[in-house]
Structures are given as structure tokens and as C-alpha cells.
């Protein structure tokens, strides 16, 4: 780190995921690394801290759900952090959260260097390295050799994104949606965005089986399939499912799709947990810690929440590790100050239980949380399996009343787009505009299947 004062703590973010998530530029260290750095600086104002990010601009536009009550319980009181958290909605766009944390980091005068880190040799003289570089963590790969306690794919999802003119509408559940779902091989979940410039982005998620995923896994965010060019690459039952839904939406919800805007990708929803999250290098007298998706990851909207919870624990343990008495405890509400002092007391007791080794206490905390969250994710996956089976049974029993006739089903499954007057032809329609302001809550907090 020539020309830069050697920090005591370095936070590494910005690992390239090689196209596993939207694009090679899409996945950064994210808000967890920034939130960790901000908390450490608040708790230990005199600490020399630096954050390394790969990109200067946060590019993730998707939105995530935050459980504010549990996720931010006991955070360090500080006017900047308190104000940000109080104003956060329960559903927040990732780029907005990252931008707000970046502003706080700059106001706290935390140096942020924008450079892609390919090895850790330049940090040999720092006391602590924190890997907050995502599910494909370079820090985990180099220091922890990517050894996992748990690694498993829970579900496979196929995603279809497209645009419609005007404000998109959901199907009437009783009249159309229920009877349509029963005719489909796969459970489908639809999410309708906000209209912008007379266009609405719509996403449908289909829970597919592994054989279908294997046939479709080349449809990635970096190289998606398109309905108008890749029908020959799709299994017939999958194509029937997609066309059935789209044509019912067209005829029963008056949906006018933008021509050729249907983009198809596949995602594997995985759980994983690093075997270790804290390492001490005796030769360098250096501690290395993992936080966020670098430590463990689960789908179903839990990844970001867990990352923030772990970053809060890590910051508190680092405060104990450096034995700082300069903590700022003002700037929060009375409730915030009380929850912080309670959390601080719990962390001290936890550290004493672990032979007064706060980083060991952090490691134990993460391993326990990871085990619990993996069980929760597995149970949710089992619930989705049960819902899928119930849907198949509902569509097979002979005494159905609310159903489409076989003739109607065959009509809806047609895939000859030229027979559809509701697909609007526009020469300059760009399917990538779907991602520019993608105001939509995704049902799955997407985790790449491979963590190597």
C-alpha cells in the first residue's frame, strides 16, 4: 500500500462473481462491508480503517426486505446512523442503502479505495482483514481455502422478465389466477413493478425441477435466453407453462407486452456456510474475519438481514478486541441507547465465556446463526415442495369446478406470437430497460449455487 498510511483494519469488498449474478459488474461487497466499517469507526473513532471496493458506482437496482426490528437491534448510537436507520423503509433498493452508507462513511472520514483486490499480500502489515466480498469471497478462498460446513442447493428457479405498456395488472384470483395455476406444471409467482414512461416491468418466477434446470442452466443473467429466439432450447412443458400464463394475462388482464422483451434466466437457490469465519496468522500477527455472504448465505430474503446482524456483532467484538473506551453512546433515542448498552453487555459476557477472546465469540455467534438460518431455509423449501404437490393434486382431481376447459388450455398454450394482436411491435424496445429502474420486490434473495 505504497503512498497510503498503513491502516489497522482493512475491509475488502467488491469480489467479481464471474456472471453468476446479473453481470460481472453487478455484485459488490455491498452494504454489509460499509455497515461494518461505519460501526467500527463509531465505536473506535481513533482506529485506522480503510475500505477497498472494486467499483466506484453501486449498480444493483433490485430491492430487498429488511426486518428493521431484529436486524438493527442494538446498533451503535450515532446521529448519522440513527437518522439513516429511522428513515429506512422495510423495503429498500440496494443501491439506495449502499449510497446512504457510503455518505456516512465519508462523513466519518473512512478512506475508501476503488481498486480490484486480487491477493492479500499488500495487507501483510495490517492487524485485521475483514472479508466482506460476497459469496465468491477472495478472502475466504485464500485464507480459509473455501472449506464449507454446509453447501446445498435448495430450489431451482426460472425467471421471466418482460415489459408491458401502461400499468401492469394482476389476474383476478378467483376468476383466472387459481384456475390457471392448476393447469401449470410449475408453481408461478408474479411481481409487478411500477409504471415508468408508460412501461411496467413484470417478473414471473417458476419453481422448476433439477432436470429442467440442467436443460436451461445456460440461460444466465449474463447470457439470458429470449422467448422469441430460444424456444427450441426449452422443454415443451416449460414452454407450455410460460405461454399459458402470458396468454391468459394478455386475454384476461388486457396485457400488452413489448415485443421481444421476454428475457429468461435460471437461478439456483443455495445455502452455504464457511467452516471457519475467523483465522489468526501467527507469522503476520494478523486476524482475518469473514462477514456477510462471505461467511454464509441463505435465500428467501435472509441474506442481507443476516449480514447486517453479523456485522453488528463483529463491530462490537472488534471494539472489545482493541479494548477501546472511546465509544460514542450519544445520538440515539433512549430506546436505542438502552438496546445498545444491553447488546454491549451481552457481547462482554459472551466474550468472557469464550476465554475473553471476542473474535472467538464472534465466530461462535456466526456458526450458531448460520445453523439456525439454514434450518429455516430448509423448512421454507419443504413448504414450497408441499405447495407444489398440492397444486398438482388440485389440478388432477376429477371434481374440479373452477377450471379451464381442455380447449381453453390448448388455446392459451399456443406460442405463435404473430397471432397475438396484443403484443405491441416497437422497433426500439430495449429489454435491458427492465433493469434500469426495477422497482420490484423479489421473492427470493438470490444466491449463486457455486461458492467456489
Foldseek 3Di string as FASTA:
>chain_A
DPPDPQFQEEEEKADQPCQQALGRRQAILFLLSLLLVLQLCQFFVPGQYAYEIADPAHQQFAKFFAPLCPLCFQGFFDQLVQVVSVPDDRIGTRRVSRVSSVVSCVVSVHHYHHHDDDDCVVNLQHAEYEFSYALQTPCCCVPVVQAWPDKDFLFKKKKKKFKWFAFADDFDCQQFVLQLLLPALWHKDKWWFDDDPRMIMIMMMTTDDPVQCVLAQVQGSHRWDWLVPCPVSHDLSVLLSVLLVVLCCCPRVVTFTAPRLITMHMATFMWIARPWAWDADPVSNHIYGYAFSNGIDGKQRCRVSRRSNLSSLVSLLVSLVVVDPPNDRDNHDPSNSVSNVVVSVVLQVLCVVVVNRSVVSSRVVSVVVSVVVVVVRNVVSVVSVVVSVVSNVQSPDPPDDNHDDPVVSVVSSDDPCVVDPSHDYDPPDDSVVCRPNVRIYDRMPGDHSDSD
